[in-house]
Amino acid sequence: MSNLRTQIGQPELAIEPARRALALDRKDAVGYIVLARAQLYAGHVDASIATCRQAIAQQVDGAEIHGLLLYAGFANHDRALIEAQSAWAKGTTAEPYITVQQMLLAMAQGKPRYGAELINQVVEGYQHRGMQEPANRMRGGLPRLEAELGMTEAARKLLDQVPLVDGSTDLPVALAEVGEDGKAEVILREDLKKHPEDTLWQYWRAPQIAAAIALARNKPLDAIDALRKSIPYDLRDTEVPAMRARAFLSATQFDLAEAEFRKIIDHRTAGVPSANVALAHLGIARARALLGNLTGSREEYEEFFAIWNDAEPELPAMRQARAEYAKLIGNARR
């Protein structure tokens, strides 16, 4: 019950059943993972850390517990906690899993090239052991991450190299985001036929692909409509609110765009670490600038730069933000 609640974007309601399950067996490793994840996704970061510590004390901790501690360290800006999890995994069978989580942190910090280096380490390890399918799945998430950071050419090049992974949401979304919306549409039709009764496919995965296609075709109202059925699942992670916010921004519905971006900021620990949190501040800055709120816009640009203070300087999203900020300051001085 707890796992299902978290999966459909109800992490707050997932906490109590997870506690009840764990009370029945304090040695159940899965119980700690389920509870700590629900607590973290619901925004109770310190409680999640405490649950992970209890698992360690009971000696039932593993890669997932330490991955959650890595996320919690990121949420709390606790570098020591992050580094401790990396040190724990070094040279163990948990190292590939923790490396993947480090990749997500790198992307969230605006360091996609470093993130790609990390994921390539994991991919090479799988390939060395003849495990091509998990290697493909690892690489399959990168093009979307790159495309949404403005690295369109890098994403397109990677899409040419990565085979289609059955059931992937990220690959067809990435295809649409780099202009291959026709290919994305074919995949969407096929996947909807394959998963006619799958709740997450019908109400969460497919709407993202449909919205990405609509945005690629400069039809933001169609994207907004496609994502309407996903609203009950918004707290599953930041992907759907981010896409809806971009659609509202494109449709010049700036107040609604800001509300969606604010939803991401207010629930920044929902799901895995994501660049969407930093980009939400950038989105609000743009919405406010277009509404004529130059002071409020400047504040959000500066918040974005503070979060990405260590981002890769050549990152397209960062270059564009700096150019917009300089123009904003220039206009404010006139």
Foldseek 3Di string as FASTA:
>chain_A
DLVVCLQLQNLVVSQVVLVVVCVVPVQDLVSLLSNLLSCLLQPVLVVSLVSLVSNVVSVSDDLSSLLSQLQSCLVVVNVVSNVVSCVVCPPHPSNLVNLLLVLLVCLLLQANVVSVVSLVVSLVVCVVVVNNLVSLVSLQQNLQSQLVLVNLVVSVVSLVVRDDRPPDLRNLLSCLSNPNLVVSVVNLVVVCVVCVPDVCNQQPRSLSSQLSNCVSVLNLVSNLVSNPSNVSRCSQALRSLLSNLVSCVSVLVLVVSLVSLVVCCVSVSRDRRHNSVLVSLQSNLVSCVVVVNLVSSLVSLVVSCVSNVPHDCVRPNNVVSVVVNVVSVVVVVD
